[in-house]
């Protein structure tokens, strides 16, 4: 059996109305750079799920925009004048 790692956290589910919630420790909230009312995204990961404060759809759109900017650098330079 593997020894527990330092980055693993055990969080308890709590009832919130008809739903379930989890309380995030202050250091996790600080690490995510979020505050009350912000969105957190839960993503499928190879070993379960991962959580981030960044919208994966936004990241994909930004990567596509960067590809276009690299490919059409000359055209964008002319348009910027």
N, C-alpha and C. Protein backbone atom coordinates (compact mmCIF):
# COMPACT_ATOMS: atom_id res chain seq x y z
N UNK A 1 0.84 -1.19 0.00
CA UNK A 1 0.00 0.00 0.00
C UNK A 1 0.88 1.24 0.00
N UNK A 2 0.51 2.23 -0.81
CA UNK A 2 1.28 3.46 -0.91
C UNK A 2 1.04 4.35 0.29
N UNK A 3 2.09 5.06 0.70
CA UNK A 3 1.96 6.03 1.79
C UNK A 3 1.20 7.24 1.28
N UNK A 4 0.40 7.89 2.13
CA UNK A 4 -0.33 9.09 1.69
C UNK A 4 0.66 10.18 1.27
N UNK A 5 0.28 10.96 0.29
CA UNK A 5 1.13 12.06 -0.15
C UNK A 5 0.65 13.35 0.47
N UNK A 6 1.54 14.33 0.52
CA UNK A 6 1.21 15.60 1.17
C UNK A 6 0.13 16.39 0.45
N UNK A 7 -0.03 16.21 -0.85
CA UNK A 7 -0.99 17.02 -1.60
C UNK A 7 -2.40 16.44 -1.59
N UNK A 8 -2.61 15.33 -0.92
CA UNK A 8 -3.95 14.72 -0.85
C UNK A 8 -4.69 15.32 0.35
N UNK A 9 -5.90 15.77 0.11
CA UNK A 9 -6.73 16.33 1.18
C UNK A 9 -8.01 15.52 1.30
N UNK A 10 -8.41 15.24 2.50
CA UNK A 10 -9.69 14.60 2.76
C UNK A 10 -10.68 15.70 3.09
N UNK A 11 -11.72 15.83 2.27
CA UNK A 11 -12.74 16.85 2.48
C UNK A 11 -14.06 16.17 2.77
N UNK A 12 -14.84 16.74 3.63
CA UNK A 12 -16.12 16.16 4.03
C UNK A 12 -17.26 16.80 3.25
N UNK A 13 -18.17 15.97 2.74
CA UNK A 13 -19.37 16.46 2.07
C UNK A 13 -20.38 16.90 3.11
N UNK A 14 -21.02 18.04 2.82
CA UNK A 14 -22.07 18.53 3.72
C UNK A 14 -23.32 18.79 2.91
N UNK A 15 -24.46 18.71 3.54
CA UNK A 15 -25.74 18.95 2.87
C UNK A 15 -25.98 20.45 2.80
N UNK A 16 -26.31 20.91 1.60
CA UNK A 16 -26.67 22.32 1.38
C UNK A 16 -27.97 22.30 0.61
N UNK A 17 -29.09 22.49 1.30
CA UNK A 17 -30.40 22.39 0.66
C UNK A 17 -30.61 20.98 0.14
N UNK A 18 -30.93 20.84 -1.14
CA UNK A 18 -31.11 19.53 -1.75
C UNK A 18 -29.82 19.04 -2.42
N UNK A 19 -28.73 19.75 -2.22
CA UNK A 19 -27.46 19.42 -2.86
C UNK A 19 -26.43 19.02 -1.82
N UNK A 20 -25.23 18.76 -2.30
CA UNK A 20 -24.10 18.46 -1.42
C UNK A 20 -23.01 19.47 -1.73
N UNK A 21 -22.23 19.81 -0.73
CA UNK A 21 -21.14 20.75 -0.92
C UNK A 21 -19.92 20.28 -0.16
N UNK A 22 -18.84 20.98 -0.38
CA UNK A 22 -17.58 20.68 0.31
C UNK A 22 -16.97 22.01 0.73
N UNK A 23 -16.37 22.03 1.89
CA UNK A 23 -15.71 23.24 2.38
C UNK A 23 -14.24 23.15 2.02
N UNK A 24 -13.76 24.18 1.32
CA UNK A 24 -12.36 24.23 0.92
C UNK A 24 -11.55 24.96 1.98
N UNK A 25 -10.41 24.42 2.37
CA UNK A 25 -9.55 25.11 3.34
C UNK A 25 -9.04 26.44 2.77
N UNK A 26 -8.70 27.38 3.66
CA UNK A 26 -8.26 28.71 3.24
C UNK A 26 -7.08 28.66 2.29
N UNK A 27 -6.11 27.76 2.55
CA UNK A 27 -4.93 27.72 1.69
C UNK A 27 -5.27 27.21 0.28
N UNK A 28 -6.27 26.36 0.16
CA UNK A 28 -6.71 25.89 -1.16
C UNK A 28 -7.38 27.04 -1.91
N UNK A 29 -8.21 27.80 -1.22
CA UNK A 29 -8.88 28.96 -1.82
C UNK A 29 -7.84 29.98 -2.28
N UNK A 30 -6.83 30.20 -1.45
CA UNK A 30 -5.76 31.14 -1.81
C UNK A 30 -4.97 30.61 -3.01
N UNK A 31 -4.71 29.31 -3.04
CA UNK A 31 -3.98 28.72 -4.15
C UNK A 31 -4.73 28.78 -5.46
N UNK A 32 -6.04 28.67 -5.40
CA UNK A 32 -6.88 28.79 -6.59
C UNK A 32 -7.10 30.25 -6.99
N UNK A 33 -6.79 31.17 -6.08
CA UNK A 33 -7.01 32.61 -6.27
C UNK A 33 -8.47 32.90 -6.56
N UNK A 34 -9.34 32.37 -5.72
CA UNK A 34 -10.77 32.60 -5.85
C UNK A 34 -11.31 33.17 -4.55
N UNK A 35 -12.51 33.70 -4.64
CA UNK A 35 -13.20 34.18 -3.45
C UNK A 35 -14.68 33.86 -3.61
N UNK A 36 -15.44 34.15 -2.58
CA UNK A 36 -16.86 33.84 -2.59
C UNK A 36 -17.54 34.40 -3.83
N UNK A 37 -18.32 33.57 -4.51
CA UNK A 37 -19.04 33.99 -5.69
C UNK A 37 -18.33 33.67 -7.00
N UNK A 38 -17.03 33.36 -6.94
CA UNK A 38 -16.29 33.00 -8.15
C UNK A 38 -16.68 31.58 -8.59
N UNK A 39 -16.46 31.29 -9.85
CA UNK A 39 -16.72 29.95 -10.39
C UNK A 39 -15.46 29.10 -10.28
N UNK A 40 -15.66 27.83 -10.00
CA UNK A 40 -14.58 26.83 -10.00
C UNK A 40 -15.01 25.75 -10.97
N UNK A 41 -14.07 25.29 -11.79
CA UNK A 41 -14.37 24.31 -12.83
C UNK A 41 -13.82 22.94 -12.43
N UNK A 42 -14.69 21.95 -12.50
CA UNK A 42 -14.34 20.57 -12.21
C UNK A 42 -14.17 19.85 -13.54
N UNK A 43 -12.97 19.34 -13.78
CA UNK A 43 -12.64 18.72 -15.07
C UNK A 43 -12.38 17.24 -14.90
N UNK A 44 -12.74 16.45 -15.91
CA UNK A 44 -12.36 15.04 -15.91
C UNK A 44 -10.85 14.95 -15.98
N UNK A 45 -10.28 14.03 -15.22
CA UNK A 45 -8.83 13.80 -15.22
C UNK A 45 -8.59 12.30 -15.26
N UNK A 46 -7.40 11.88 -15.63
CA UNK A 46 -7.12 10.44 -15.74
C UNK A 46 -7.46 9.65 -14.47
N UNK A 47 -7.24 10.23 -13.31
CA UNK A 47 -7.49 9.50 -12.06
C UNK A 47 -8.70 10.03 -11.30
N UNK A 48 -9.65 10.62 -12.00
CA UNK A 48 -10.84 11.15 -11.33
C UNK A 48 -11.19 12.52 -11.86
N UNK A 49 -10.99 13.54 -11.04
CA UNK A 49 -11.33 14.91 -11.41
C UNK A 49 -10.23 15.85 -10.97
N UNK A 50 -10.17 16.99 -11.64
CA UNK A 50 -9.29 18.07 -11.20
C UNK A 50 -10.14 19.33 -11.09
N UNK A 51 -9.69 20.27 -10.28
CA UNK A 51 -10.43 21.50 -10.05
C UNK A 51 -9.53 22.67 -10.38
N UNK A 52 -10.07 23.67 -11.07
CA UNK A 52 -9.29 24.88 -11.34
C UNK A 52 -10.23 26.07 -11.38
N UNK A 53 -9.63 27.25 -11.33
CA UNK A 53 -10.41 28.48 -11.41
C UNK A 53 -10.45 29.01 -12.83
N UNK A 54 -9.88 28.26 -13.77
CA UNK A 54 -9.82 28.69 -15.16
C UNK A 54 -10.79 27.87 -16.00
N UNK A 55 -11.61 28.55 -16.79
CA UNK A 55 -12.58 27.90 -17.67
C UNK A 55 -11.83 27.19 -18.80
N UNK A 56 -11.96 25.87 -18.92
CA UNK A 56 -11.24 25.15 -19.97
C UNK A 56 -11.65 25.58 -21.38
N UNK A 57 -12.89 26.02 -21.58
CA UNK A 57 -13.32 26.51 -22.89
C UNK A 57 -12.60 27.81 -23.24
N UNK A 58 -12.39 28.66 -22.24
CA UNK A 58 -11.65 29.91 -22.45
C UNK A 58 -10.21 29.61 -22.83
N UNK A 59 -9.59 28.64 -22.14
CA UNK A 59 -8.21 28.27 -22.46
C UNK A 59 -8.09 27.77 -23.90
N UNK A 60 -9.04 26.95 -24.32
CA UNK A 60 -9.03 26.43 -25.69
C UNK A 60 -9.17 27.58 -26.70
N UNK A 61 -10.05 28.54 -26.42
CA UNK A 61 -10.23 29.68 -27.31
C UNK A 61 -8.96 30.53 -27.38
N UNK A 62 -8.29 30.71 -26.25
CA UNK A 62 -7.06 31.50 -26.24
C UNK A 62 -5.95 30.79 -27.01
N UNK A 63 -5.86 29.47 -26.90
CA UNK A 63 -4.86 28.73 -27.67
C UNK A 63 -5.13 28.87 -29.17
N UNK A 64 -6.39 28.81 -29.57
CA UNK A 64 -6.74 28.98 -30.99
C UNK A 64 -6.38 30.39 -31.45
N UNK A 65 -6.65 31.40 -30.63
CA UNK A 65 -6.31 32.78 -30.98
C UNK A 65 -4.80 32.95 -31.13
N UNK A 66 -4.04 32.34 -30.22
CA UNK A 66 -2.58 32.44 -30.30
C UNK A 66 -2.05 31.77 -31.56
N UNK A 67 -2.65 30.64 -31.95
CA UNK A 67 -2.25 29.97 -33.20
C UNK A 67 -2.49 30.89 -34.39
N UNK A 68 -3.64 31.53 -34.43
CA UNK A 68 -3.97 32.46 -35.53
C UNK A 68 -3.00 33.63 -35.54
N UNK A 69 -2.69 34.16 -34.35
CA UNK A 69 -1.76 35.30 -34.28
C UNK A 69 -0.37 34.91 -34.77
N UNK A 70 0.07 33.69 -34.46
CA UNK A 70 1.38 33.23 -34.94
C UNK A 70 1.37 33.05 -36.46
N UNK A 71 0.32 32.43 -36.98
CA UNK A 71 0.24 32.14 -38.41
C UNK A 71 0.07 33.41 -39.25
N UNK A 72 -0.68 34.37 -38.76
CA UNK A 72 -1.01 35.56 -39.53
C UNK A 72 -0.37 36.82 -38.96
N UNK A 73 0.84 36.68 -38.45
CA UNK A 73 1.53 37.80 -37.80
C UNK A 73 1.67 39.01 -38.73
N UNK A 74 2.03 38.76 -39.98
CA UNK A 74 2.22 39.87 -40.95
C UNK A 74 0.91 40.61 -41.19
N UNK A 75 -0.17 39.87 -41.38
CA UNK A 75 -1.48 40.49 -41.64
C UNK A 75 -1.91 41.31 -40.43
N UNK A 76 -1.71 40.78 -39.25
CA UNK A 76 -2.11 41.50 -38.03
C UNK A 76 -1.27 42.76 -37.85
N UNK A 77 0.00 42.71 -38.22
CA UNK A 77 0.86 43.90 -38.12
C UNK A 77 0.37 45.00 -39.04
N UNK A 78 -0.06 44.63 -40.25
CA UNK A 78 -0.59 45.62 -41.19
C UNK A 78 -1.90 46.21 -40.65
N UNK A 79 -2.76 45.36 -40.10
CA UNK A 79 -4.04 45.84 -39.56
C UNK A 79 -3.83 46.75 -38.35
N UNK A 80 -2.77 46.56 -37.61
CA UNK A 80 -2.52 47.35 -36.41
C UNK A 80 -2.08 48.77 -36.73
N UNK A 81 -1.66 49.01 -37.96
CA UNK A 81 -1.20 50.37 -38.34
C UNK A 81 -2.32 51.34 -38.46
